[in-house]
PDB file of N, CA and C in Angstrom:
ATOM      1  N   MET A   1       1.163  -1.212   0.112  1.00  0.00           N
ATOM      2  CA  MET A   1      -0.200  -0.066   0.019  1.00  0.00           C
ATOM      3  C   MET A   1       0.614   1.522   0.360  1.00  0.00           C
ATOM      4  N   ALA A   2       2.085   0.872   0.629  1.00  0.00           N
ATOM      5  CA  ALA A   2       2.979   2.332   0.737  1.00  0.00           C
ATOM      6  C   ALA A   2       3.864   2.760  -0.575  1.00  0.00           C
ATOM      7  N   GLU A   3       3.446   1.896  -1.163  1.00  0.00           N
ATOM      8  CA  GLU A   3       4.509   1.826  -2.749  1.00  0.00           C
ATOM      9  C   GLU A   3       3.589   2.664  -3.632  1.00  0.00           C
ATOM     10  N   ARG A   4       1.861   1.898  -3.330  1.00  0.00           N
ATOM     11  CA  ARG A   4       0.910   2.739  -4.253  1.00  0.00           C
ATOM     12  C   ARG A   4       0.578   4.590  -3.899  1.00  0.00           C
ATOM     13  N   ALA A   5       0.793   4.705  -2.698  1.00  0.00           N
ATOM     14  CA  ALA A   5       0.723   5.584  -2.267  1.00  0.00           C
ATOM     15  C   ALA A   5       1.994   6.671  -3.021  1.00  0.00           C
ATOM     16  N   SER A   6       3.140   6.115  -2.450  1.00  0.00           N
ATOM     17  CA  SER A   6       4.344   6.469  -3.272  1.00  0.00           C
ATOM     18  C   SER A   6       4.326   6.976  -4.866  1.00  0.00           C
ATOM     19  N   SER A   7       4.300   5.731  -5.538  1.00  0.00           N
ATOM     20  CA  SER A   7       3.436   6.487  -7.056  1.00  0.00           C
ATOM     21  C   SER A   7       2.376   6.958  -7.348  1.00  0.00           C
ATOM     22  N   VAL A   8       1.412   7.275  -6.187  1.00  0.00           N
ATOM     23  CA  VAL A   8       0.264   8.572  -6.362  1.00  0.00           C
ATOM     24  C   VAL A   8       0.628   9.789  -6.277  1.00  0.00           C
ATOM     25  N   ALA A   9       1.614  10.297  -5.235  1.00  0.00           N
ATOM     26  CA  ALA A   9       2.783  11.162  -5.303  1.00  0.00           C
ATOM     27  C   ALA A   9       3.258  11.457  -6.096  1.00  0.00           C
ATOM     28  N   LYS A  10       3.831  11.050  -6.650  1.00  0.00           N
ATOM     29  CA  LYS A  10       4.954  11.045  -7.675  1.00  0.00           C
ATOM     30  C   LYS A  10       4.226  11.446  -8.911  1.00  0.00           C
ATOM     31  N   THR A  11       3.287  10.809  -9.302  1.00  0.00           N
ATOM     32  CA  THR A  11       2.889  10.984 -10.675  1.00  0.00           C
ATOM     33  C   THR A  11       2.261  12.248 -10.748  1.00  0.00           C
ATOM     34  N   ALA A  12       1.527  13.141  -9.679  1.00  0.00           N
ATOM     35  CA  ALA A  12       0.897  14.326  -8.476  1.00  0.00           C
ATOM     36  C   ALA A  12       2.084  15.257  -9.104  1.00  0.00           C
ATOM     37  N   THR A  13       3.423  15.051  -8.785  1.00  0.00           N
ATOM     38  CA  THR A  13       4.257  15.987  -8.964  1.00  0.00           C
ATOM     39  C   THR A  13       4.609  16.115 -10.588  1.00  0.00           C
ATOM     40  N   ILE A  14       4.833  15.004 -11.118  1.00  0.00           N
ATOM     41  CA  ILE A  14       4.985  15.151 -12.252  1.00  0.00           C
ATOM     42  C   ILE A  14       4.329  15.914 -13.466  1.00  0.00           C
ATOM     43  N   GLY A  15       3.143  15.784 -12.963  1.00  0.00           N
ATOM     44  CA  GLY A  15       1.594  16.108 -13.866  1.00  0.00           C
ATOM     45  C   GLY A  15       1.789  17.674 -13.652  1.00  0.00           C
ATOM     46  N   ASP A  16       2.431  18.230 -13.106  1.00  0.00           N
ATOM     47  CA  ASP A  16       2.085  19.822 -12.278  1.00  0.00           C
ATOM     48  C   ASP A  16       2.992  20.471 -12.946  1.00  0.00           C
ATOM     49  N   ALA A  17       2.325  21.802 -13.389  1.00  0.00           N
ATOM     50  CA  ALA A  17       3.229  22.525 -14.654  1.00  0.00           C
ATOM     51  C   ALA A  17       3.818  23.523 -13.456  1.00  0.00           C
ATOM     52  N   TYR A  18       4.883  24.110 -14.067  1.00  0.00           N
ATOM     53  CA  TYR A  18       5.566  25.154 -13.070  1.00  0.00           C
ATOM     54  C   TYR A  18       4.741  26.530 -13.063  1.00  0.00           C
ATOM     55  N   ARG A  19       4.546  27.533 -12.127  1.00  0.00           N
ATOM     56  CA  ARG A  19       3.928  28.511 -11.706  1.00  0.00           C
ATOM     57  C   ARG A  19       4.082  29.044 -11.095  1.00  0.00           C
ATOM     58  N   ILE A  20       3.621  30.868 -10.972  1.00  0.00           N
ATOM     59  CA  ILE A  20       4.544  31.622 -10.358  1.00  0.00           C
ATOM     60  C   ILE A  20       4.047  31.573  -8.901  1.00  0.00           C
ATOM     61  N   ASP A  21       4.538  31.406  -8.206  1.00  0.00           N
ATOM     62  CA  ASP A  21       3.987  31.209  -6.303  1.00  0.00           C
ATOM     63  C   ASP A  21       3.439  32.521  -5.910  1.00  0.00           C
ATOM     64  N   SER A  22       4.745  33.220  -6.110  1.00  0.00           N
ATOM     65  CA  SER A  22       4.626  34.820  -5.833  1.00  0.00           C
ATOM     66  C   SER A  22       6.127  35.784  -5.996  1.00  0.00           C
ATOM     67  N   LEU A  23       5.563  36.910  -6.263  1.00  0.00           N
ATOM     68  CA  LEU A  23       6.711  37.546  -6.965  1.00  0.00           C
ATOM     69  C   LEU A  23       6.605  39.474  -5.629  1.00  0.00           C
ATOM     70  N   SER A  24       7.523  39.165  -5.058  1.00  0.00           N
ATOM     71  CA  SER A  24       7.411  40.873  -3.595  1.00  0.00           C
ATOM     72  C   SER A  24       8.378  41.121  -4.100  1.00  0.00           C
ATOM     73  N   LYS A  25       8.206  42.763  -3.401  1.00  0.00           N
ATOM     74  CA  LYS A  25       9.561  43.618  -3.777  1.00  0.00           C
ATOM     75  C   LYS A  25      10.123  43.538  -2.090  1.00  0.00           C
ATOM     76  N   THR A  26      11.502  43.297  -2.736  1.00  0.00           N
ATOM     77  CA  THR A  26      12.696  42.928  -1.650  1.00  0.00           C
ATOM     78  C   THR A  26      13.724  43.997  -1.630  1.00  0.00           C
ATOM     79  N   LYS A  27      14.888  43.868  -0.604  1.00  0.00           N
ATOM     80  CA  LYS A  27      15.843  44.645  -0.878  1.00  0.00           C
ATOM     81  C   LYS A  27      17.430  43.725  -1.608  1.00  0.00           C
ATOM     82  N   ALA A  28      17.959  44.390  -1.477  1.00  0.00           N
ATOM     83  CA  ALA A  28      19.234  43.729  -2.606  1.00  0.00           C
ATOM     84  C   ALA A  28      19.560  42.334  -2.198  1.00  0.00           C
ATOM     85  N   PRO A  29      19.776  41.606  -3.193  1.00  0.00           N
ATOM     86  CA  PRO A  29      20.497  39.847  -2.615  1.00  0.00           C
ATOM     87  C   PRO A  29      21.839  40.658  -2.040  1.00  0.00           C
ATOM     88  N   ASP A  30      22.568  39.788  -1.020  1.00  0.00           N
ATOM     89  CA  ASP A  30      23.883  39.863  -0.927  1.00  0.00           C
ATOM     90  C   ASP A  30      24.497  40.372  -1.898  1.00  0.00           C
ATOM     91  N   GLY A  31      25.854  41.384  -1.893  1.00  0.00           N
ATOM     92  CA  GLY A  31      26.703  41.379  -2.656  1.00  0.00           C
ATOM     93  C   GLY A  31      26.189  41.859  -4.460  1.00  0.00           C
ATOM     94  N   ALA A  32      24.777  42.742  -4.369  1.00  0.00           N
ATOM     95  CA  ALA A  32      24.346  43.276  -4.989  1.00  0.00           C
ATOM     96  C   ALA A  32      23.985  44.620  -4.747  1.00  0.00           C
ATOM     97  N   ALA A  33      24.021  45.694  -5.927  1.00  0.00           N
ATOM     98  CA  ALA A  33      23.671  46.831  -5.214  1.00  0.00           C
ATOM     99  C   ALA A  33      22.421  47.244  -6.051  1.00  0.00           C
ATOM    100  N   GLY A  34      21.655  48.439  -5.810  1.00  0.00           N
ATOM    101  CA  GLY A  34      20.679  49.512  -6.633  1.00  0.00           C
ATOM    102  C   GLY A  34      19.750  48.855  -5.852  1.00  0.00           C
ATOM    103  N   LYS A  35      18.297  49.631  -6.522  1.00  0.00           N
ATOM    104  CA  LYS A  35      17.031  49.577  -5.777  1.00  0.00           C
ATOM    105  C   LYS A  35      16.619  48.985  -7.022  1.00  0.00           C
ATOM    106  N   ASP A  36      14.568  48.505  -6.437  1.00  0.00           N
ATOM    107  CA  ASP A  36      13.868  47.638  -7.280  1.00  0.00           C
ATOM    108  C   ASP A  36      14.093  46.250  -7.705  1.00  0.00           C
ATOM    109  N   TRP A  37      14.560  45.844  -6.166  1.00  0.00           N
ATOM    110  CA  TRP A  37      14.386  44.313  -6.646  1.00  0.00           C
ATOM    111  C   TRP A  37      13.725  43.448  -5.790  1.00  0.00           C
ATOM    112  N   TYR A  38      13.246  42.466  -7.058  1.00  0.00           N
ATOM    113  CA  TYR A  38      11.850  41.650  -6.482  1.00  0.00           C
ATOM    114  C   TYR A  38      12.451  40.684  -6.501  1.00  0.00           C
ATOM    115  N   ARG A  39      11.624  39.597  -5.255  1.00  0.00           N
ATOM    116  CA  ARG A  39      12.248  38.141  -4.892  1.00  0.00           C
ATOM    117  C   ARG A  39      11.084  37.165  -5.996  1.00  0.00           C
ATOM    118  N   TYR A  40      11.121  36.413  -6.328  1.00  0.00           N
ATOM    119  CA  TYR A  40      10.308  35.519  -6.804  1.00  0.00           C
ATOM    120  C   TYR A  40      10.249  33.881  -6.871  1.00  0.00           C
ATOM    121  N   VAL A  41       8.708  33.238  -6.845  1.00  0.00           N
ATOM    122  CA  VAL A  41       9.034  31.839  -6.088  1.00  0.00           C
ATOM    123  C   VAL A  41       8.482  31.488  -7.221  1.00  0.00           C
ATOM    124  N   ILE A  42       8.971  30.244  -7.799  1.00  0.00           N
ATOM    125  CA  ILE A  42       8.573  29.378  -8.966  1.00  0.00           C
ATOM    126  C   ILE A  42       7.939  28.109  -8.512  1.00  0.00           C
ATOM    127  N   ILE A  43       7.000  27.015  -8.653  1.00  0.00           N
ATOM    128  CA  ILE A  43       6.919  26.115  -7.820  1.00  0.00           C
ATOM    129  C   ILE A  43       6.045  25.251  -8.579  1.00  0.00           C
ATOM    130  N   GLN A  44       6.093  23.793  -8.742  1.00  0.00           N
ATOM    131  CA  GLN A  44       6.213  22.711  -9.670  1.00  0.00           C
ATOM    132  C   GLN A  44       5.756  21.504  -8.681  1.00  0.00           C
ATOM    133  N   GLY A  45       4.854  20.923  -8.175  1.00  0.00           N
ATOM    134  CA  GLY A  45       4.664  20.046  -7.439  1.00  0.00           C
ATOM    135  C   GLY A  45       5.730  20.342  -5.850  1.00  0.00           C
ATOM    136  N   ASP A  46       6.697  19.622  -5.876  1.00  0.00           N
ATOM    137  CA  ASP A  46       7.377  20.022  -4.423  1.00  0.00           C
ATOM    138  C   ASP A  46       8.833  20.270  -5.325  1.00  0.00           C
ATOM    139  N   ASN A  47       8.687  20.534  -6.177  1.00  0.00           N
ATOM    140  CA  ASN A  47      10.143  21.740  -6.140  1.00  0.00           C
ATOM    141  C   ASN A  47       9.593  23.430  -6.257  1.00  0.00           C
ATOM    142  N   THR A  48      10.944  24.040  -5.448  1.00  0.00           N
ATOM    143  CA  THR A  48      10.030  25.113  -5.725  1.00  0.00           C
ATOM    144  C   THR A  48      11.712  26.033  -6.040  1.00  0.00           C
ATOM    145  N   ILE A  49      11.940  27.194  -6.491  1.00  0.00           N
ATOM    146  CA  ILE A  49      12.991  27.975  -7.270  1.00  0.00           C
ATOM    147  C   ILE A  49      12.665  29.372  -6.595  1.00  0.00           C
ATOM    148  N   VAL A  50      13.174  29.406  -5.936  1.00  0.00           N
ATOM    149  CA  VAL A  50      13.717  31.100  -5.266  1.00  0.00           C
ATOM    150  C   VAL A  50      14.322  31.929  -6.250  1.00  0.00           C
ATOM    151  N   GLY A  51      14.528  32.982  -6.835  1.00  0.00           N
ATOM    152  CA  GLY A  51      15.223  33.621  -7.203  1.00  0.00           C
ATOM    153  C   GLY A  51      14.872  35.141  -7.338  1.00  0.00           C
ATOM    154  N   HIS A  52      16.126  36.391  -7.459  1.00  0.00           N
ATOM    155  CA  HIS A  52      15.665  37.485  -7.235  1.00  0.00           C
ATOM    156  C   HIS A  52      16.281  38.252  -8.922  1.00  0.00           C
ATOM    157  N   ARG A  53      15.360  39.394  -8.765  1.00  0.00           N
ATOM    158  CA  ARG A  53      15.555  40.049 -10.284  1.00  0.00           C
ATOM    159  C   ARG A  53      15.441  41.647 -10.000  1.00  0.00           C
ATOM    160  N   GLN A  54      16.267  42.343 -10.933  1.00  0.00           N
ATOM    161  CA  GLN A  54      16.390  44.150 -10.647  1.00  0.00           C
ATOM    162  C   GLN A  54      15.386  44.619 -12.013  1.00  0.00           C
ATOM    163  N   GLY A  55      14.585  45.196 -11.401  1.00  0.00           N
ATOM    164  CA  GLY A  55      13.841  46.135 -12.742  1.00  0.00           C
ATOM    165  C   GLY A  55      12.183  46.468 -12.085  1.00  0.00           C
ATOM    166  N   SER A  56      11.561  46.978 -12.866  1.00  0.00           N
ATOM    167  CA  SER A  56      10.205  47.316 -12.735  1.00  0.00           C
ATOM    168  C   SER A  56       9.466  46.295 -12.413  1.00  0.00           C
ATOM    169  N   GLN A  57       8.551  46.662 -11.835  1.00  0.00           N
ATOM    170  CA  GLN A  57       7.309  45.110 -11.474  1.00  0.00           C
ATOM    171  C   GLN A  57       6.981  44.514 -12.312  1.00  0.00           C
ATOM    172  N   ARG A  58       6.515  45.336 -13.392  1.00  0.00           N
ATOM    173  CA  ARG A  58       6.378  44.668 -15.051  1.00  0.00           C
ATOM    174  C   ARG A  58       7.255  43.736 -15.738  1.00  0.00           C
ATOM    175  N   ALA A  59       8.247  44.302 -15.723  1.00  0.00           N
ATOM    176  CA  ALA A  59       9.111  44.269 -16.393  1.00  0.00           C
ATOM    177  C   ALA A  59      10.109  42.928 -15.898  1.00  0.00           C
ATOM    178  N   VAL A  60      10.080  42.584 -14.663  1.00  0.00           N
ATOM    179  CA  VAL A  60      10.342  41.331 -13.381  1.00  0.00           C
ATOM    180  C   VAL A  60       9.446  40.516 -13.906  1.00  0.00           C
ATOM    181  N   LYS A  61       7.882  40.697 -13.590  1.00  0.00           N
ATOM    182  CA  LYS A  61       7.010  39.490 -13.672  1.00  0.00           C
ATOM    183  C   LYS A  61       6.910  39.322 -15.292  1.00  0.00           C
ATOM    184  N   GLN A  62       7.173  39.781 -16.245  1.00  0.00           N
ATOM    185  CA  GLN A  62       7.157  39.587 -17.662  1.00  0.00           C
ATOM    186  C   GLN A  62       8.610  38.273 -18.254  1.00  0.00           C
ATOM    187  N   ALA A  63       9.596  38.686 -17.316  1.00  0.00           N
ATOM    188  CA  ALA A  63      10.456  38.006 -17.099  1.00  0.00           C
ATOM    189  C   ALA A  63      10.577  36.710 -16.859  1.00  0.00           C
ATOM    190  N   VAL A  64       9.708  36.247 -15.344  1.00  0.00           N
ATOM    191  CA  VAL A  64       9.368  35.185 -14.799  1.00  0.00           C
ATOM    192  C   VAL A  64       8.361  35.083 -15.443  1.00  0.00           C
ATOM    193  N   ASP A  65       7.533  35.612 -16.322  1.00  0.00           N
ATOM    194  CA  ASP A  65       6.312  34.469 -16.936  1.00  0.00           C
ATOM    195  C   ASP A  65       7.086  33.665 -18.050  1.00  0.00           C
ATOM    196  N   GLU A  66       8.117  34.237 -18.611  1.00  0.00           N
ATOM    197  CA  GLU A  66       8.805  33.822 -19.984  1.00  0.00           C
ATOM    198  C   GLU A  66       9.460  32.974 -19.421  1.00  0.00           C
ATOM    199  N   LEU A  67      10.420  32.807 -18.216  1.00  0.00           N
ATOM    200  CA  LEU A  67      11.198  31.791 -17.629  1.00  0.00           C
ATOM    201  C   LEU A  67      10.216  30.567 -17.681  1.00  0.00           C
ATOM    202  N   VAL A  68       8.900  30.497 -16.827  1.00  0.00           N
ATOM    203  CA  VAL A  68       8.065  29.741 -16.519  1.00  0.00           C
ATOM    204  C   VAL A  68       7.535  28.987 -17.506  1.00  0.00           C
ATOM    205  N   VAL A  69       7.381  29.713 -18.808  1.00  0.00           N
ATOM    206  CA  VAL A  69       6.826  29.119 -20.124  1.00  0.00           C
ATOM    207  C   VAL A  69       8.132  28.314 -20.775  1.00  0.00           C
ATOM    208  N   ARG A  70       8.936  28.716 -20.710  1.00  0.00           N
ATOM    209  CA  ARG A  70      10.657  27.752 -20.987  1.00  0.00           C
ATOM    210  C   ARG A  70      10.444  27.030 -19.962  1.00  0.00           C
ATOM    211  N   LEU A  71      10.503  26.180 -18.678  1.00  0.00           N
ATOM    212  CA  LEU A  71      10.548  25.173 -17.849  1.00  0.00           C
ATOM    213  C   LEU A  71       9.383  24.641 -18.118  1.00  0.00           C
ATOM    214  N   ASN A  72       8.443  24.998 -18.747  1.00  0.00           N
ATOM    215  CA  ASN A  72       7.210  23.768 -18.902  1.00  0.00           C
ATOM    216  C   ASN A  72       7.441  23.717 -20.379  1.00  0.00           C
ATOM    217  N   GLU A  73       8.236  23.932 -21.024  1.00  0.00           N
ATOM    218  CA  GLU A  73       8.250  23.573 -22.651  1.00  0.00           C
ATOM    219  C   GLU A  73       9.134  22.683 -22.506  1.00  0.00           C
ATOM    220  N   ARG A  74      10.601  22.466 -21.329  1.00  0.00           N
ATOM    221  CA  ARG A  74      11.569  21.343 -21.250  1.00  0.00           C
ATOM    222  C   ARG A  74      10.761  20.377 -20.920  1.00  0.00           C
ATOM    223  N   ARG A  75       9.821  20.409 -19.812  1.00  0.00           N
ATOM    224  CA  ARG A  75       9.259  19.144 -19.447  1.00  0.00           C
ATOM    225  C   ARG A  75       8.849  18.271 -20.715  1.00  0.00           C
ATOM    226  N   SER A  76       7.986  19.416 -21.200  1.00  0.00           N
ATOM    227  CA  SER A  76       6.588  18.678 -21.961  1.00  0.00           C
ATOM    228  C   SER A  76       7.806  17.883 -23.275  1.00  0.00           C
ATOM    229  N   GLY A  77       8.907  18.441 -23.712  1.00  0.00           N
ATOM    230  CA  GLY A  77       9.555  17.856 -24.592  1.00  0.00           C
ATOM    231  C   GLY A  77       9.326  18.676 -25.620  1.00  0.00           C
ATOM    232  N   LYS A  78       9.023  19.905 -25.687  1.00  0.00           N
ATOM    233  CA  LYS A  78       8.810  20.710 -26.833  1.00  0.00           C
ATOM    234  C   LYS A  78       9.976  21.532 -27.352  1.00  0.00           C
ATOM    235  N   PRO A  79      10.535  21.009 -28.585  1.00  0.00           N
ATOM    236  CA  PRO A  79      11.779  21.334 -28.856  1.00  0.00           C
ATOM    237  C   PRO A  79      11.843  22.991 -29.265  1.00  0.00           C
ATOM    238  N   GLY A  80      13.065  23.825 -28.831  1.00  0.00           N
ATOM    239  CA  GLY A  80      13.273  25.009 -29.405  1.00  0.00           C
ATOM    240  C   GLY A  80      12.853  25.054 -30.961  1.00  0.00           C
ATOM    241  N   ARG A  81      13.206  26.788 -30.955  1.00  0.00           N
ATOM    242  CA  ARG A  81      12.821  26.741 -32.433  1.00  0.00           C
ATOM    243  C   ARG A  81      13.823  26.281 -33.223  1.00  0.00           C
ATOM    244  N   VAL A  82      13.843  25.563 -34.231  1.00  0.00           N
ATOM    245  CA  VAL A  82      15.026  24.885 -35.127  1.00  0.00           C
ATOM    246  C   VAL A  82      14.570  25.699 -36.357  1.00  0.00           C
ATOM    247  N   HIS A  83      15.446  26.149 -37.100  1.00  0.00           N
ATOM    248  CA  HIS A  83      15.519  26.695 -38.576  1.00  0.00           C
ATOM    249  C   HIS A  83      16.258  25.702 -39.688  1.00  0.00           C
ATOM    250  N   LEU A  84      15.228  25.236 -40.411  1.00  0.00           N
ATOM    251  CA  LEU A  84      16.059  24.020 -41.406  1.00  0.00           C
ATOM    252  C   LEU A  84      15.988  24.571 -42.703  1.00  0.00           C
ATOM    253  N   THR A  85      17.258  24.339 -43.243  1.00  0.00           N
ATOM    254  CA  THR A  85      17.214  25.333 -44.561  1.00  0.00           C
ATOM    255  C   THR A  85      17.987  24.011 -45.138  1.00  0.00           C
ATOM    256  N   SER A  86      17.466  23.736 -46.853  1.00  0.00           N
ATOM    257  CA  SER A  86      18.195  22.788 -47.295  1.00  0.00           C
ATOM    258  C   SER A  86      19.527  23.462 -48.186  1.00  0.00           C
ATOM    259  N   SER A  87      20.438  22.793 -48.279  1.00  0.00           N
ATOM    260  CA  SER A  87      21.961  23.293 -49.519  1.00  0.00           C
ATOM    261  C   SER A  87      21.574  23.086 -50.291  1.00  0.00           C
ATOM    262  N   ALA A  88      21.880  24.180 -51.103  1.00  0.00           N
ATOM    263  CA  ALA A  88      21.906  23.877 -52.420  1.00  0.00           C
ATOM    264  C   ALA A  88      22.926  23.011 -53.067  1.00  0.00           C
ATOM    265  N   LYS A  89      22.210  21.957 -54.042  1.00  0.00           N
ATOM    266  CA  LYS A  89      22.830  20.889 -54.226  1.00  0.00           C
ATOM    267  C   LYS A  89      24.215  21.320 -55.615  1.00  0.00           C
ATOM    268  N   LYS A  90      25.216  20.331 -55.291  1.00  0.00           N
ATOM    269  CA  LYS A  90      26.440  21.154 -56.105  1.00  0.00           C
ATOM    270  C   LYS A  90      25.920  20.459 -57.488  1.00  0.00           C
ATOM    271  N   LYS A  91      26.261  21.111 -58.692  1.00  0.00           N
ATOM    272  CA  LYS A  91      26.248  20.566 -60.298  1.00  0.00           C
ATOM    273  C   LYS A  91      27.472  20.206 -60.436  1.00  0.00           C
ATOM    274  N   LYS A  92      27.307  19.141 -61.673  1.00  0.00           N
ATOM    275  CA  LYS A  92      28.635  18.670 -61.845  1.00  0.00           C
ATOM    276  C   LYS A  92      28.841  18.949 -63.376  1.00  0.00           C
TER     277      LYS A  92
END
């Protein structure tokens, strides 16, 4: 029975998408200078990513949203942009 519960919990974690849990204004991290720092928390199941970014709230929110999209694309195995071009064949 314990195996089944563990398996169910693992499946729920794997199926969860990354999402922003919080975004809040904070002081500059140790070793950093300047103002307008934000702390963000991204969660996915039991996983937590905490980061800091400097900028306006709007710019930071947009950057973190883009990060979440990229993380979810990586999880789903969606390949990045690939530009395929055919090479010209040499004439003999």
